Protein backbone atom coordinates (compact mmCIF):
# COMPACT_ATOMS: atom_id res chain seq x y z
CA MET A 1 29.08 -0.01 36.88
CA THR A 2 28.09 -3.03 34.83
CA ARG A 3 29.64 -3.16 31.38
CA PHE A 4 28.63 -5.25 28.40
CA ALA A 5 30.50 -6.05 25.22
CA PHE A 6 28.48 -6.67 22.03
CA GLU A 7 29.56 -7.84 18.63
CA ALA A 8 28.00 -6.43 15.49
CA ILE A 9 26.14 -9.00 13.41
CA GLY A 10 26.44 -6.95 10.23
CA THR A 11 27.05 -3.63 8.56
CA ALA A 12 24.46 -1.29 7.04
CA ARG A 13 25.00 -0.39 3.40
CA THR A 14 22.96 2.71 2.59
CA PRO A 15 22.94 5.67 0.16
CA PHE A 16 23.91 8.03 2.99
CA THR A 17 27.67 8.39 2.75
CA ASP A 18 27.67 11.66 4.69
CA LYS A 19 25.75 12.61 7.83
CA PHE A 20 24.22 15.74 6.29
CA GLY A 21 21.07 14.69 4.49
CA ILE A 22 20.27 11.57 6.52
CA PRO A 23 16.53 11.61 7.37
CA ARG A 24 15.91 12.58 10.96
CA GLN A 25 13.77 9.48 11.53
CA PRO A 26 13.29 6.17 9.71
CA ARG A 27 10.71 5.87 6.90
CA LEU A 28 10.55 9.61 6.21
CA VAL A 29 12.36 8.79 2.96
CA ASP A 30 11.98 5.56 1.00
CA ALA A 31 15.73 5.00 1.05
CA PRO A 32 16.90 1.46 0.23
CA GLY A 33 19.55 -0.35 2.20
CA ARG A 34 21.03 -3.71 3.04
CA ILE A 35 22.21 -5.21 6.29
CA LEU A 36 25.28 -7.10 5.11
CA LEU A 37 25.72 -9.95 7.55
CA HIS A 38 29.11 -10.83 8.93
CA PRO A 39 30.16 -14.40 8.00
CA THR A 40 29.41 -15.89 11.44
CA TYR A 41 25.79 -14.72 11.21
CA ALA A 42 25.22 -15.14 7.47
CA ARG A 43 22.94 -18.14 7.96
CA ARG A 44 19.63 -18.32 6.16
CA GLU A 45 18.08 -20.47 8.89
CA ALA A 46 18.48 -17.54 11.30
CA PHE A 47 15.77 -15.74 9.26
CA THR A 48 13.28 -18.60 9.01
CA GLU A 49 9.71 -17.20 8.98
CA LEU A 50 10.83 -13.59 8.94
CA GLU A 51 8.96 -13.32 5.63
CA GLY A 52 5.73 -13.10 7.64
CA PHE A 53 6.81 -9.75 9.12
CA SER A 54 6.70 -6.63 6.97
CA HIS A 55 8.99 -4.58 9.21
CA VAL A 56 11.92 -5.12 11.55
CA TRP A 57 13.67 -3.24 14.30
CA LEU A 58 17.34 -2.53 13.71
CA LEU A 59 19.52 -1.99 16.77
CA TRP A 60 22.70 -0.25 15.77
CA VAL A 61 25.65 1.79 16.98
CA PHE A 62 26.22 5.50 16.41
CA HIS A 63 29.73 5.24 15.02
CA ASP A 64 32.03 7.79 13.38
CA ASP A 65 32.86 10.57 15.87
CA CYS A 66 29.96 9.75 18.22
CA LEU A 67 31.86 6.98 20.00
CA THR A 68 34.61 9.31 21.15
CA ALA A 69 32.53 12.44 21.80
CA GLY A 70 31.13 11.22 25.13
CA TRP A 71 27.62 11.75 26.42
CA LYS A 72 25.81 14.98 27.25
CA PRO A 73 23.01 15.29 29.83
CA THR A 74 21.23 17.89 27.69
CA VAL A 75 21.09 18.35 23.93
CA ARG A 76 19.55 20.78 21.43
CA PRO A 77 17.34 18.80 19.02
CA PRO A 78 17.26 19.95 15.37
CA ARG A 79 13.45 19.84 15.50
CA LEU A 80 13.59 22.69 18.01
CA GLY A 81 15.96 24.66 15.80
CA GLY A 82 18.88 24.17 18.16
CA ARG A 83 17.42 26.88 20.41
CA ARG A 84 16.09 24.79 23.29
CA SER A 85 17.75 22.18 25.45
CA VAL A 86 16.08 18.93 26.46
CA GLY A 87 17.38 15.97 28.44
CA VAL A 88 19.31 13.45 26.38
CA PHE A 89 16.85 10.75 27.47
CA ALA A 90 14.02 12.85 26.03
CA SER A 91 15.76 12.84 22.66
CA ARG A 92 17.27 10.55 20.05
CA ALA A 93 20.54 12.45 19.93
CA PRO A 94 23.67 10.35 19.30
CA TYR A 95 25.66 11.63 22.27
CA ARG A 96 24.38 9.09 24.76
CA PRO A 97 25.93 7.03 27.58
CA SER A 98 25.47 4.00 25.33
CA PRO A 99 25.44 5.22 21.70
CA ILE A 100 22.79 2.80 20.48
CA GLY A 101 20.20 3.66 17.83
CA LEU A 102 16.86 2.02 17.06
CA SER A 103 15.04 2.11 13.71
CA ALA A 104 11.87 0.43 12.47
CA VAL A 105 12.25 -0.24 8.74
CA ALA A 106 10.55 -2.31 6.05
CA GLN A 107 12.22 -5.61 5.25
CA HIS A 108 12.27 -7.23 1.81
CA GLY A 109 13.93 -10.57 2.40
CA LEU A 110 17.41 -11.96 2.01
CA VAL A 111 19.60 -11.15 -0.98
CA GLU A 112 23.00 -12.57 -1.83
CA ASP A 113 25.71 -11.28 -4.13
CA ALA A 114 29.49 -11.12 -4.29
CA ASP A 115 29.55 -9.18 -1.01
CA GLY A 116 27.69 -11.90 0.87
CA LEU A 117 24.27 -12.52 2.43
CA ALA A 118 22.24 -9.45 3.35
CA LEU A 119 18.76 -8.45 4.49
CA ALA A 120 17.22 -5.94 2.08
CA VAL A 121 15.44 -3.07 3.85
CA SER A 122 13.95 0.34 3.01
CA GLY A 123 13.14 3.53 4.88
CA VAL A 124 16.61 3.56 6.44
CA ASP A 125 18.07 6.47 8.40
CA LEU A 126 21.54 5.00 8.90
CA LEU A 127 24.91 6.24 7.74
CA ASP A 128 26.61 3.86 5.34
CA GLY A 129 28.90 1.55 7.32
CA THR A 130 26.85 1.65 10.53
CA PRO A 131 27.44 -1.43 12.74
CA VAL A 132 24.20 -3.34 13.34
CA LEU A 133 23.88 -5.18 16.66
CA ASP A 134 20.60 -7.01 16.16
CA ILE A 135 17.53 -7.47 13.97
CA LYS A 136 14.15 -8.11 15.60
CA PRO A 137 10.68 -8.45 14.03
CA TYR A 138 8.30 -5.53 14.39
CA VAL A 139 5.17 -6.89 16.08
CA PRO A 140 2.21 -4.56 15.43
CA TYR A 141 -0.06 -5.66 18.28
CA ALA A 142 2.65 -4.88 20.84
CA ASP A 143 4.86 -2.29 19.14
CA ALA A 144 2.21 0.02 17.65
CA LEU A 145 0.82 2.39 20.30
CA PRO A 146 -1.84 4.61 18.74
CA GLU A 147 -2.55 6.31 22.06
CA ALA A 148 1.07 7.40 22.54
CA THR A 149 1.98 11.10 22.67
CA GLY A 150 5.07 12.55 21.03
CA GLY A 151 6.06 15.54 23.16
CA PHE A 152 7.95 18.13 21.11
CA ALA A 153 8.47 15.60 18.29
CA GLN A 154 5.24 16.18 16.42
CA PRO A 155 4.93 14.69 12.93
CA SER A 156 5.43 16.70 9.78
CA LEU A 157 3.40 14.83 7.20
CA GLU A 158 4.05 17.08 4.24
CA ALA A 159 7.28 17.79 2.41
CA ARG A 160 8.79 21.13 3.41
CA LEU A 161 10.30 21.98 0.03
CA ALA A 162 9.22 21.54 -3.55
CA VAL A 163 12.07 20.06 -5.58
CA ARG A 164 12.86 20.82 -9.20
CA PHE A 165 15.70 19.46 -11.32
CA GLY A 166 17.70 21.66 -13.64
CA GLN A 167 18.31 20.25 -17.09
CA ALA A 168 21.99 19.51 -16.52
CA ALA A 169 21.31 17.87 -13.16
CA ALA A 170 18.54 15.69 -14.57
CA ALA A 171 20.85 14.50 -17.34
CA ALA A 172 23.64 13.76 -14.85
CA VAL A 173 21.29 11.78 -12.61
CA ALA A 174 20.06 9.75 -15.58
CA ALA A 175 23.64 9.06 -16.63
CA ARG A 176 24.59 7.86 -13.13
CA ASP A 177 21.47 5.68 -12.77
CA PRO A 178 20.53 4.74 -16.36
CA ASP A 179 18.39 1.72 -15.47
CA GLY A 180 16.82 3.28 -12.38
CA ALA A 181 18.19 0.58 -10.11
CA LEU A 182 19.23 3.15 -7.50
CA ALA A 183 16.02 5.20 -7.84
CA LEU A 184 18.45 8.09 -7.53
CA ALA A 185 16.15 10.83 -8.80
CA GLN A 186 13.40 9.81 -6.39
CA LEU A 187 15.86 9.58 -3.50
CA ILE A 188 17.28 13.04 -4.20
CA GLU A 189 13.79 14.52 -4.35
CA GLN A 190 12.65 12.88 -1.11
CA VAL A 191 15.80 13.77 0.84
CA ILE A 192 15.81 17.42 -0.18
CA ALA A 193 12.01 17.77 0.19
CA GLN A 194 12.42 16.96 3.90
CA ASP A 195 14.73 20.01 4.14
CA PRO A 196 17.90 18.51 5.64
CA ARG A 197 19.20 21.89 6.77
CA PRO A 198 19.69 22.35 10.54
CA GLY A 199 16.89 24.24 12.24
CA TYR A 200 19.15 27.16 13.05
CA MET A 201 19.68 27.92 9.34
CA ASP A 202 16.85 30.43 9.46
CA ARG A 203 19.39 32.70 11.15
CA TYR A 204 21.30 32.79 7.87
CA PRO A 205 18.69 33.64 5.23
CA GLU A 206 21.39 34.79 2.84
CA ARG A 207 22.73 31.27 2.40
CA ARG A 208 20.99 29.66 -0.54
CA ASN A 209 23.40 26.99 -1.82
CA PHE A 210 23.75 23.53 -0.31
CA ALA A 211 24.94 20.03 -1.13
CA VAL A 212 24.15 16.53 0.05
CA ARG A 213 26.03 13.34 -0.71
CA LEU A 214 24.16 10.22 -1.81
CA TYR A 215 25.96 7.05 -2.85
CA ASP A 216 29.07 8.35 -4.64
CA CYS A 217 27.49 11.59 -5.84
CA ASP A 218 27.57 15.16 -4.60
CA ILE A 219 24.16 16.73 -5.17
CA HIS A 220 24.23 20.53 -5.36
CA TRP A 221 21.02 22.48 -4.87
CA ARG A 222 19.90 26.01 -4.18
CA LEU A 223 16.86 27.53 -2.56
CA ASP A 224 14.51 29.85 -4.39
CA GLY A 225 11.83 30.61 -1.84
CA ASP A 226 10.31 27.26 -0.88
CA ILE A 227 11.60 25.61 -4.04
CA ALA A 228 14.84 23.63 -4.04
CA ILE A 229 16.47 23.54 -7.45
CA VAL A 230 18.87 20.67 -8.04
CA GLU A 231 21.67 22.12 -10.13
CA ALA A 232 24.28 19.37 -10.32
CA CYS A 233 24.92 15.69 -9.67
CA ILE A 234 28.66 15.09 -9.57
CA PRO A 235 29.79 11.46 -9.20
CA ASP A 236 33.24 10.51 -7.99
CA THR A 237 35.69 10.00 -10.80
CA ASP A 238 37.89 7.42 -9.03
């Protein structure tokens, strides 16, 4: 079998510091991110004329435990509630022969700070620290296929849950993001509104309390019918 070795050109920096809560597809949540370029590739000339493209494709590697888990010929997609198996090549599951992911995200140009040169993006669905293999422009006339069909992956255009903030949680969010630079309140609302729970959770209707981790904060919320009430925002104290 032919083997290829690729080197990451950068690392994704995103609000998603835990896998639970990551949107199931890109652009479902307006989550900001940066592709921090490794020094060899941190060259502004490599992005000449990218400003004419509103979106880019990110090619990246499922890291964490996915690299050692091996591939599976069939998987149970969360969209199907974990009840039905489909072929791995009919899914976007991470347990693939080559654990490569693909995301179309909005791009907002190069930014530079003490960490180095980065491409600012939004609508990300990547775990913080994800290795990025390549960045390619999204070309609408070739990449947009309005006649395409989506099989079992039909769109859900409306939020699944209404989100409300308790008084203490709202105050804690404001304290963690006083100038709104992180848009933390909006991010919490969008992530929870998509209902990050696995599809099989309807088997456990008694469970009402959940938590997601965004940036350095643990966000605790509970379900009251179709309303998610954010009860706490607990930042790390280190």
